[in-house]
């Protein structure tokens, strides 16, 4: 199946986001949970590029990373909690998957990573004020990405959070 470069970036971006948050926010990288989440997030981000030449795959990986950096920059304020950033990314992923814009196979590395990611965020999600704020910020994240030409068909407001 042929995928346009833009769509490959849209598929890879959520895995990049999860990976960036766990790499920055997890202190103990020797736990089985960390290794499992990292392995699945890396594999999920790599799968969408696997059928490309190394040069093309590298180019799209750099494009995905640049988009990630630009999209997340407004949320990387001094003193921000990685748990909150994780919730923002979780609600963004929820919007793009529950809208049907992107679909991931059951049991896939992406699904495994997303489930482990959410499990790691449970304590943060239980803080009502943080959770509400993360939902609002996820809308802003999606709007920012849409302004850049990505995920244009996703309507965050139609998603039940």
N, C-alpha and C. Protein backbone atom coordinates (compact mmCIF):
# COMPACT_ATOMS: atom_id res chain seq x y z
N UNK A 1 0.84 -1.18 0.00
CA UNK A 1 0.00 0.00 0.00
C UNK A 1 0.88 1.25 0.00
N UNK A 2 0.60 2.14 -0.91
CA UNK A 2 1.38 3.38 -1.03
C UNK A 2 0.90 4.39 0.01
N UNK A 3 1.84 4.99 0.71
CA UNK A 3 1.54 6.05 1.66
C UNK A 3 2.30 7.30 1.26
N UNK A 4 1.61 8.42 1.26
CA UNK A 4 2.28 9.70 1.02
C UNK A 4 3.19 10.01 2.20
N UNK A 5 4.21 10.80 1.94
CA UNK A 5 5.16 11.17 2.99
C UNK A 5 4.44 11.80 4.18
N UNK A 6 3.51 12.69 3.92
CA UNK A 6 2.79 13.38 4.99
C UNK A 6 2.07 12.37 5.88
N UNK A 7 1.44 11.37 5.26
CA UNK A 7 0.71 10.37 6.05
C UNK A 7 1.68 9.52 6.88
N UNK A 8 2.84 9.21 6.33
CA UNK A 8 3.84 8.46 7.10
C UNK A 8 4.26 9.25 8.34
N UNK A 9 4.43 10.55 8.17
CA UNK A 9 4.79 11.40 9.30
C UNK A 9 3.66 11.41 10.34
N UNK A 10 2.42 11.50 9.88
CA UNK A 10 1.28 11.49 10.80
C UNK A 10 1.20 10.17 11.57
N UNK A 11 1.56 9.08 10.94
CA UNK A 11 1.53 7.78 11.60
C UNK A 11 2.66 7.67 12.62
N UNK A 12 3.83 8.16 12.27
CA UNK A 12 5.01 8.03 13.14
C UNK A 12 5.01 9.01 14.31
N UNK A 13 4.39 10.17 14.14
CA UNK A 13 4.47 11.23 15.15
C UNK A 13 4.02 10.80 16.55
N UNK A 14 2.89 10.14 16.71
CA UNK A 14 2.48 9.76 18.08
C UNK A 14 3.51 8.89 18.79
N UNK A 15 4.16 7.98 18.07
CA UNK A 15 5.20 7.15 18.69
C UNK A 15 6.39 7.99 19.10
N UNK A 16 6.77 8.95 18.25
CA UNK A 16 7.86 9.87 18.60
C UNK A 16 7.53 10.65 19.87
N UNK A 17 6.28 11.08 19.96
CA UNK A 17 5.86 11.86 21.13
C UNK A 17 5.95 11.03 22.41
N UNK A 18 5.42 9.81 22.35
CA UNK A 18 5.50 8.94 23.54
C UNK A 18 6.95 8.69 23.91
N UNK A 19 7.76 8.37 22.92
CA UNK A 19 9.16 8.06 23.18
C UNK A 19 9.89 9.25 23.81
N UNK A 20 9.67 10.44 23.29
CA UNK A 20 10.33 11.63 23.84
C UNK A 20 9.96 11.85 25.30
N UNK A 21 8.69 11.64 25.62
CA UNK A 21 8.25 11.86 27.01
C UNK A 21 8.84 10.83 27.94
N UNK A 22 8.87 9.58 27.54
CA UNK A 22 9.43 8.59 28.47
C UNK A 22 10.94 8.74 28.59
N UNK A 23 11.61 9.11 27.51
CA UNK A 23 13.06 9.30 27.60
C UNK A 23 13.42 10.48 28.49
N UNK A 24 12.61 11.52 28.45
CA UNK A 24 12.89 12.70 29.27
C UNK A 24 12.35 12.57 30.69
N UNK A 25 11.27 11.83 30.86
CA UNK A 25 10.59 11.83 32.15
C UNK A 25 10.81 10.64 33.05
N UNK A 26 11.43 9.59 32.54
CA UNK A 26 11.63 8.38 33.36
C UNK A 26 13.07 8.34 33.83
N UNK A 27 13.22 8.28 35.13
CA UNK A 27 14.57 8.26 35.70
C UNK A 27 15.16 6.86 35.70
N UNK A 28 14.35 5.85 36.07
CA UNK A 28 14.84 4.47 36.16
C UNK A 28 14.58 3.76 34.83
N UNK A 29 15.60 3.71 34.02
CA UNK A 29 15.46 3.11 32.69
C UNK A 29 15.77 1.62 32.67
N UNK A 30 15.94 1.06 33.83
CA UNK A 30 16.23 -0.37 33.91
C UNK A 30 14.99 -1.21 34.19
N UNK A 31 13.85 -0.57 34.41
CA UNK A 31 12.64 -1.33 34.70
C UNK A 31 12.13 -2.03 33.44
N UNK A 32 11.46 -3.14 33.63
CA UNK A 32 10.87 -3.86 32.50
C UNK A 32 9.81 -3.02 31.81
N UNK A 33 9.06 -2.21 32.58
CA UNK A 33 8.02 -1.37 32.00
C UNK A 33 8.61 -0.34 31.05
N UNK A 34 9.70 0.29 31.47
CA UNK A 34 10.35 1.28 30.62
C UNK A 34 10.87 0.62 29.34
N UNK A 35 11.57 -0.51 29.49
CA UNK A 35 12.13 -1.19 28.33
C UNK A 35 11.05 -1.62 27.35
N UNK A 36 9.93 -2.12 27.87
CA UNK A 36 8.81 -2.57 27.03
C UNK A 36 8.21 -1.40 26.26
N UNK A 37 7.95 -0.31 26.95
CA UNK A 37 7.36 0.87 26.31
C UNK A 37 8.32 1.44 25.27
N UNK A 38 9.58 1.58 25.62
CA UNK A 38 10.56 2.12 24.68
C UNK A 38 10.68 1.23 23.44
N UNK A 39 10.81 -0.06 23.64
CA UNK A 39 10.96 -0.99 22.52
C UNK A 39 9.76 -0.91 21.58
N UNK A 40 8.56 -0.89 22.12
CA UNK A 40 7.36 -0.84 21.29
C UNK A 40 7.19 0.51 20.58
N UNK A 41 7.52 1.60 21.26
CA UNK A 41 7.42 2.92 20.64
C UNK A 41 8.42 3.06 19.50
N UNK A 42 9.63 2.59 19.71
CA UNK A 42 10.65 2.64 18.65
C UNK A 42 10.22 1.79 17.46
N UNK A 43 9.74 0.58 17.75
CA UNK A 43 9.31 -0.30 16.67
C UNK A 43 8.12 0.30 15.90
N UNK A 44 7.18 0.90 16.61
CA UNK A 44 6.02 1.50 15.96
C UNK A 44 6.44 2.65 15.05
N UNK A 45 7.36 3.47 15.50
CA UNK A 45 7.83 4.60 14.69
C UNK A 45 8.62 4.12 13.48
N UNK A 46 9.31 3.00 13.63
CA UNK A 46 10.14 2.47 12.55
C UNK A 46 9.34 1.72 11.49
N UNK A 47 8.27 1.07 11.89
CA UNK A 47 7.49 0.24 10.96
C UNK A 47 7.01 1.01 9.74
N UNK A 48 6.57 2.23 9.93
CA UNK A 48 6.01 3.02 8.84
C UNK A 48 7.09 3.44 7.83
N UNK A 49 8.35 3.30 8.21
CA UNK A 49 9.45 3.68 7.33
C UNK A 49 10.20 2.46 6.78
N UNK A 50 9.82 1.27 7.21
CA UNK A 50 10.59 0.06 6.92
C UNK A 50 10.71 -0.26 5.44
N UNK A 51 9.74 0.12 4.64
CA UNK A 51 9.76 -0.23 3.21
C UNK A 51 10.46 0.82 2.35
N UNK A 52 11.04 1.82 2.98
CA UNK A 52 11.69 2.91 2.25
C UNK A 52 13.20 2.71 2.21
N UNK A 53 13.84 3.40 1.27
CA UNK A 53 15.30 3.38 1.23
C UNK A 53 15.82 4.04 2.50
N UNK A 54 17.04 3.71 2.89
CA UNK A 54 17.59 4.34 4.10
C UNK A 54 17.60 5.87 4.03
N UNK A 55 17.92 6.43 2.86
CA UNK A 55 17.93 7.89 2.74
C UNK A 55 16.54 8.47 2.93
N UNK A 56 15.55 7.89 2.28
CA UNK A 56 14.17 8.38 2.38
C UNK A 56 13.65 8.20 3.81
N UNK A 57 13.92 7.04 4.41
CA UNK A 57 13.48 6.79 5.78
C UNK A 57 14.11 7.80 6.74
N UNK A 58 15.39 8.07 6.55
CA UNK A 58 16.07 9.05 7.40
C UNK A 58 15.49 10.44 7.24
N UNK A 59 15.18 10.79 6.01
CA UNK A 59 14.58 12.10 5.73
C UNK A 59 13.23 12.24 6.43
N UNK A 60 12.40 11.21 6.35
CA UNK A 60 11.08 11.27 6.99
C UNK A 60 11.19 11.20 8.51
N UNK A 61 12.16 10.49 9.02
CA UNK A 61 12.37 10.46 10.48
C UNK A 61 12.77 11.85 10.97
N UNK A 62 13.63 12.53 10.23
CA UNK A 62 14.03 13.90 10.61
C UNK A 62 12.84 14.85 10.50
N UNK A 63 12.03 14.68 9.46
CA UNK A 63 10.83 15.51 9.30
C UNK A 63 9.86 15.30 10.46
N UNK A 64 9.71 14.04 10.86
CA UNK A 64 8.82 13.73 11.99
C UNK A 64 9.36 14.35 13.27
N UNK A 65 10.65 14.26 13.48
CA UNK A 65 11.26 14.84 14.69
C UNK A 65 11.12 16.35 14.70
N UNK A 66 11.31 16.98 13.55
CA UNK A 66 11.17 18.44 13.46
C UNK A 66 9.73 18.86 13.75
N UNK A 67 8.78 18.11 13.21
CA UNK A 67 7.37 18.40 13.48
C UNK A 67 7.07 18.22 14.96
N UNK A 68 7.59 17.16 15.54
CA UNK A 68 7.40 16.92 16.98
C UNK A 68 7.95 18.09 17.79
N UNK A 69 9.15 18.53 17.47
CA UNK A 69 9.76 19.64 18.20
C UNK A 69 8.92 20.91 18.08
N UNK A 70 8.46 21.21 16.89
CA UNK A 70 7.66 22.42 16.66
C UNK A 70 6.31 22.33 17.37
N UNK A 71 5.68 21.18 17.29
CA UNK A 71 4.34 21.02 17.88
C UNK A 71 4.37 21.05 19.40
N UNK A 72 5.41 20.49 19.99
CA UNK A 72 5.48 20.40 21.45
C UNK A 72 6.10 21.63 22.11
N UNK A 73 6.78 22.47 21.34
CA UNK A 73 7.47 23.64 21.90
C UNK A 73 6.59 24.50 22.80
N UNK A 74 5.34 24.78 22.43
CA UNK A 74 4.52 25.64 23.29
C UNK A 74 4.21 25.03 24.67
N UNK A 75 4.38 23.74 24.80
CA UNK A 75 4.03 23.06 26.05
C UNK A 75 5.24 22.81 26.94
N UNK A 76 6.41 23.10 26.44
CA UNK A 76 7.64 22.82 27.18
C UNK A 76 8.08 24.05 27.98
N UNK A 77 7.22 24.45 28.88
CA UNK A 77 7.51 25.59 29.73
C UNK A 77 8.34 25.15 30.93
N UNK A 78 8.98 26.11 31.56
CA UNK A 78 9.80 25.80 32.72
C UNK A 78 8.93 25.18 33.82
N UNK A 79 9.40 24.09 34.36
CA UNK A 79 8.70 23.44 35.46
C UNK A 79 7.55 22.54 35.03
N UNK A 80 7.37 22.34 33.74
CA UNK A 80 6.27 21.47 33.29
C UNK A 80 6.52 20.05 33.78
N UNK A 81 5.46 19.40 34.16
CA UNK A 81 5.55 18.01 34.62
C UNK A 81 5.44 17.07 33.43
N UNK A 82 6.30 16.07 33.39
CA UNK A 82 6.26 15.11 32.29
C UNK A 82 4.96 14.31 32.32
N UNK A 83 4.39 14.15 33.50
CA UNK A 83 3.09 13.48 33.58
C UNK A 83 2.02 14.25 32.83
N UNK A 84 2.05 15.57 32.96
CA UNK A 84 1.07 16.38 32.24
C UNK A 84 1.34 16.33 30.74
N UNK A 85 2.60 16.42 30.33
CA UNK A 85 2.92 16.29 28.91
C UNK A 85 2.44 14.95 28.37
N UNK A 86 2.62 13.92 29.17
CA UNK A 86 2.15 12.60 28.76
C UNK A 86 0.65 12.56 28.56
N UNK A 87 -0.08 13.21 29.46
CA UNK A 87 -1.54 13.25 29.32
C UNK A 87 -1.95 14.04 28.08
N UNK A 88 -1.25 15.12 27.78
CA UNK A 88 -1.55 15.89 26.57
C UNK A 88 -1.40 14.99 25.35
N UNK A 89 -0.30 14.27 25.30
CA UNK A 89 -0.04 13.37 24.17
C UNK A 89 -1.07 12.25 24.14
N UNK A 90 -1.41 11.71 25.31
CA UNK A 90 -2.42 10.65 25.35
C UNK A 90 -3.74 11.13 24.76
N UNK A 91 -4.22 12.31 25.16
CA UNK A 91 -5.50 12.80 24.64
C UNK A 91 -5.42 13.14 23.16
N UNK A 92 -4.26 13.58 22.70
CA UNK A 92 -4.06 13.80 21.28
C UNK A 92 -4.17 12.47 20.52
N UNK A 93 -3.49 11.44 21.02
CA UNK A 93 -3.55 10.12 20.38
C UNK A 93 -4.98 9.58 20.40
N UNK A 94 -5.65 9.79 21.51
CA UNK A 94 -7.04 9.34 21.61
C UNK A 94 -7.89 10.00 20.54
N UNK A 95 -7.70 11.28 20.31
CA UNK A 95 -8.48 12.01 19.31
C UNK A 95 -8.23 11.47 17.91
N UNK A 96 -6.97 11.23 17.55
CA UNK A 96 -6.69 10.79 16.18
C UNK A 96 -7.08 9.34 15.94
N UNK A 97 -7.08 8.53 17.00
CA UNK A 97 -7.49 7.14 16.80
C UNK A 97 -9.00 6.96 16.92
N UNK A 98 -9.62 7.59 17.90
CA UNK A 98 -11.06 7.42 18.06
C UNK A 98 -11.86 8.11 16.95
N UNK A 99 -11.27 9.09 16.31
CA UNK A 99 -11.93 9.73 15.18
C UNK A 99 -11.88 8.82 13.95
N UNK A 100 -11.03 7.81 14.00
CA UNK A 100 -10.86 6.92 12.87
C UNK A 100 -9.85 7.43 11.85
N UNK A 101 -9.24 8.58 12.13
CA UNK A 101 -8.27 9.14 11.19
C UNK A 101 -7.07 8.21 11.02
N UNK A 102 -6.57 7.71 12.14
CA UNK A 102 -5.50 6.72 12.10
C UNK A 102 -5.96 5.47 12.83
N UNK A 103 -5.65 4.34 12.25
CA UNK A 103 -6.00 3.06 12.86
C UNK A 103 -4.71 2.25 13.06
N UNK A 104 -4.64 1.61 14.19
CA UNK A 104 -3.51 0.76 14.50
C UNK A 104 -4.02 -0.64 14.78
N UNK A 105 -3.26 -1.63 14.34
CA UNK A 105 -3.68 -3.01 14.51
C UNK A 105 -3.65 -3.42 15.98
N UNK A 106 -4.60 -4.26 16.33
CA UNK A 106 -4.64 -4.82 17.68
C UNK A 106 -3.39 -5.66 17.89
N UNK A 107 -2.75 -5.46 19.03
CA UNK A 107 -1.53 -6.20 19.34
C UNK A 107 -0.29 -5.67 18.66
N UNK A 108 -0.42 -4.55 17.95
CA UNK A 108 0.73 -3.96 17.25
C UNK A 108 1.66 -3.28 18.25
N UNK A 109 2.89 -3.01 17.83
CA UNK A 109 3.79 -2.28 18.73
C UNK A 109 3.20 -0.93 19.18
N UNK A 110 2.49 -0.25 18.27
CA UNK A 110 1.89 1.02 18.67
C UNK A 110 0.85 0.81 19.78
N UNK A 111 -0.03 -0.15 19.60
CA UNK A 111 -1.04 -0.39 20.63
C UNK A 111 -0.38 -0.78 21.95
N UNK A 112 0.63 -1.64 21.88
CA UNK A 112 1.34 -2.04 23.09
C UNK A 112 1.96 -0.83 23.79
N UNK A 113 2.58 0.04 23.00
CA UNK A 113 3.21 1.24 23.58
C UNK A 113 2.15 2.16 24.17
N UNK A 114 1.06 2.39 23.44
CA UNK A 114 0.01 3.30 23.91
C UNK A 114 -0.62 2.79 25.21
N UNK A 115 -0.86 1.50 25.30
CA UNK A 115 -1.45 0.94 26.53
C UNK A 115 -0.49 1.07 27.71
N UNK A 116 0.78 0.78 27.48
CA UNK A 116 1.78 0.91 28.54
C UNK A 116 1.97 2.38 28.93
N UNK A 117 1.91 3.25 27.95
CA UNK A 117 2.05 4.70 28.17
C UNK A 117 0.91 5.18 29.08
N UNK A 118 -0.31 4.78 28.76
CA UNK A 118 -1.45 5.22 29.56
C UNK A 118 -1.38 4.64 30.97
N UNK A 119 -0.96 3.41 31.07
CA UNK A 119 -0.84 2.80 32.40
C UNK A 119 0.16 3.60 33.25
N UNK A 120 1.23 4.05 32.63
CA UNK A 120 2.24 4.82 33.35
C UNK A 120 1.70 6.19 33.78
N UNK A 121 0.66 6.66 33.11
CA UNK A 121 0.09 7.99 33.40
C UNK A 121 -1.09 7.96 34.37
N UNK A 122 -1.48 6.81 34.82
CA UNK A 122 -2.69 6.68 35.63
C UNK A 122 -2.70 7.62 36.84
N UNK A 123 -1.60 7.71 37.55
CA UNK A 123 -1.59 8.55 38.75
C UNK A 123 -1.79 10.02 38.38
N UNK A 124 -1.27 10.46 37.24
CA UNK A 124 -1.45 11.84 36.80
C UNK A 124 -2.88 12.08 36.32
N UNK A 125 -3.46 11.09 35.67
CA UNK A 125 -4.84 11.22 35.17
C UNK A 125 -5.83 11.33 36.32
N UNK A 126 -5.46 10.82 37.47
CA UNK A 126 -6.37 10.87 38.62
C UNK A 126 -6.40 12.24 39.29
N UNK A 127 -5.52 13.14 38.90
CA UNK A 127 -5.53 14.51 39.42
C UNK A 127 -6.43 15.32 38.49
N UNK A 128 -7.64 15.60 38.96
CA UNK A 128 -8.68 16.19 38.09
C UNK A 128 -8.23 17.47 37.40
N UNK A 129 -7.61 18.38 38.12
CA UNK A 129 -7.21 19.65 37.51
C UNK A 129 -6.16 19.43 36.42
N UNK A 130 -5.22 18.54 36.66
CA UNK A 130 -4.19 18.24 35.67
C UNK A 130 -4.82 17.58 34.44
N UNK A 131 -5.75 16.68 34.68
CA UNK A 131 -6.40 15.97 33.59
C UNK A 131 -7.20 16.94 32.71
N UNK A 132 -7.97 17.82 33.33
CA UNK A 132 -8.75 18.82 32.55
C UNK A 132 -7.82 19.73 31.75
N UNK A 133 -6.76 20.17 32.38
CA UNK A 133 -5.80 21.04 31.70
C UNK A 133 -5.15 20.31 30.52
N UNK A 134 -4.80 19.06 30.72
CA UNK A 134 -4.18 18.27 29.65
C UNK A 134 -5.12 18.10 28.47
N UNK A 135 -6.41 17.93 28.74
CA UNK A 135 -7.39 17.81 27.65
C UNK A 135 -7.45 19.11 26.84
N UNK A 136 -7.45 20.24 27.53
CA UNK A 136 -7.46 21.54 26.84
C UNK A 136 -6.18 21.72 26.02
N UNK A 137 -5.06 21.34 26.60
CA UNK A 137 -3.78 21.48 25.89
C UNK A 137 -3.70 20.53 24.70
N UNK A 138 -4.31 19.36 24.81
CA UNK A 138 -4.33 18.42 23.68
C UNK A 138 -5.10 19.02 22.50
N UNK A 139 -6.17 19.74 22.79
CA UNK A 139 -6.90 20.43 21.72
C UNK A 139 -5.99 21.45 21.04
N UNK A 140 -5.23 22.19 21.84
CA UNK A 140 -4.30 23.18 21.28
C UNK A 140 -3.20 22.50 20.47
N UNK A 141 -2.73 21.36 20.93
CA UNK A 141 -1.72 20.60 20.20
C UNK A 141 -2.27 20.20 18.83
N UNK A 142 -3.47 19.65 18.82
CA UNK A 142 -4.09 19.26 17.55
C UNK A 142 -4.30 20.47 16.65
N UNK A 143 -4.77 21.56 17.20
CA UNK A 143 -4.98 22.77 16.40
C UNK A 143 -3.67 23.27 15.80
N UNK A 144 -2.60 23.21 16.58
CA UNK A 144 -1.30 23.62 16.08
C UNK A 144 -0.83 22.74 14.94
N UNK A 145 -1.03 21.43 15.08
CA UNK A 145 -0.65 20.51 14.01
C UNK A 145 -1.52 20.71 12.78
N UNK A 146 -2.80 21.00 12.99
CA UNK A 146 -3.68 21.26 11.86
C UNK A 146 -3.28 22.54 11.13
N UNK A 147 -2.83 23.54 11.86
CA UNK A 147 -2.36 24.77 11.23
C UNK A 147 -1.12 24.52 10.36
N UNK A 148 -0.39 23.46 10.69
CA UNK A 148 0.78 23.08 9.90
C UNK A 148 0.43 22.11 8.77
N UNK A 149 -0.86 21.76 8.66
CA UNK A 149 -1.31 20.91 7.56
C UNK A 149 -1.45 19.44 7.89
N UNK A 150 -1.40 19.08 9.15
CA UNK A 150 -1.50 17.67 9.56
C UNK A 150 -2.83 17.41 10.28
N UNK A 151 -3.29 16.17 10.19
CA UNK A 151 -4.49 15.71 10.91
C UNK A 151 -5.70 16.60 10.66
N UNK A 152 -5.83 17.08 9.45
CA UNK A 152 -6.87 18.06 9.13
C UNK A 152 -8.29 17.52 9.31
N UNK A 153 -8.47 16.23 9.22
CA UNK A 153 -9.81 15.66 9.30
C UNK A 153 -10.23 15.28 10.72
N UNK A 154 -9.40 15.53 11.70
CA UNK A 154 -9.70 15.17 13.08
C UNK A 154 -10.43 16.32 13.76
N UNK A 155 -11.56 16.00 14.37
CA UNK A 155 -12.33 16.99 15.12
C UNK A 155 -12.30 16.59 16.58
N UNK A 156 -11.46 17.26 17.36
CA UNK A 156 -11.27 16.92 18.77
C UNK A 156 -12.60 17.01 19.53
N UNK A 157 -13.43 17.96 19.17
CA UNK A 157 -14.66 18.18 19.92
C UNK A 157 -15.63 17.01 19.82
N UNK A 158 -15.49 16.19 18.77
CA UNK A 158 -16.40 15.05 18.62
C UNK A 158 -15.93 13.82 19.39
N UNK A 159 -14.77 13.91 20.01
CA UNK A 159 -14.19 12.79 20.75
C UNK A 159 -14.60 12.88 22.21
N UNK A 160 -15.07 11.76 22.74
CA UNK A 160 -15.43 11.72 24.16
C UNK A 160 -14.17 11.44 24.96
N UNK A 161 -13.81 12.39 25.84
CA UNK A 161 -12.60 12.21 26.67
C UNK A 161 -12.98 11.94 28.11
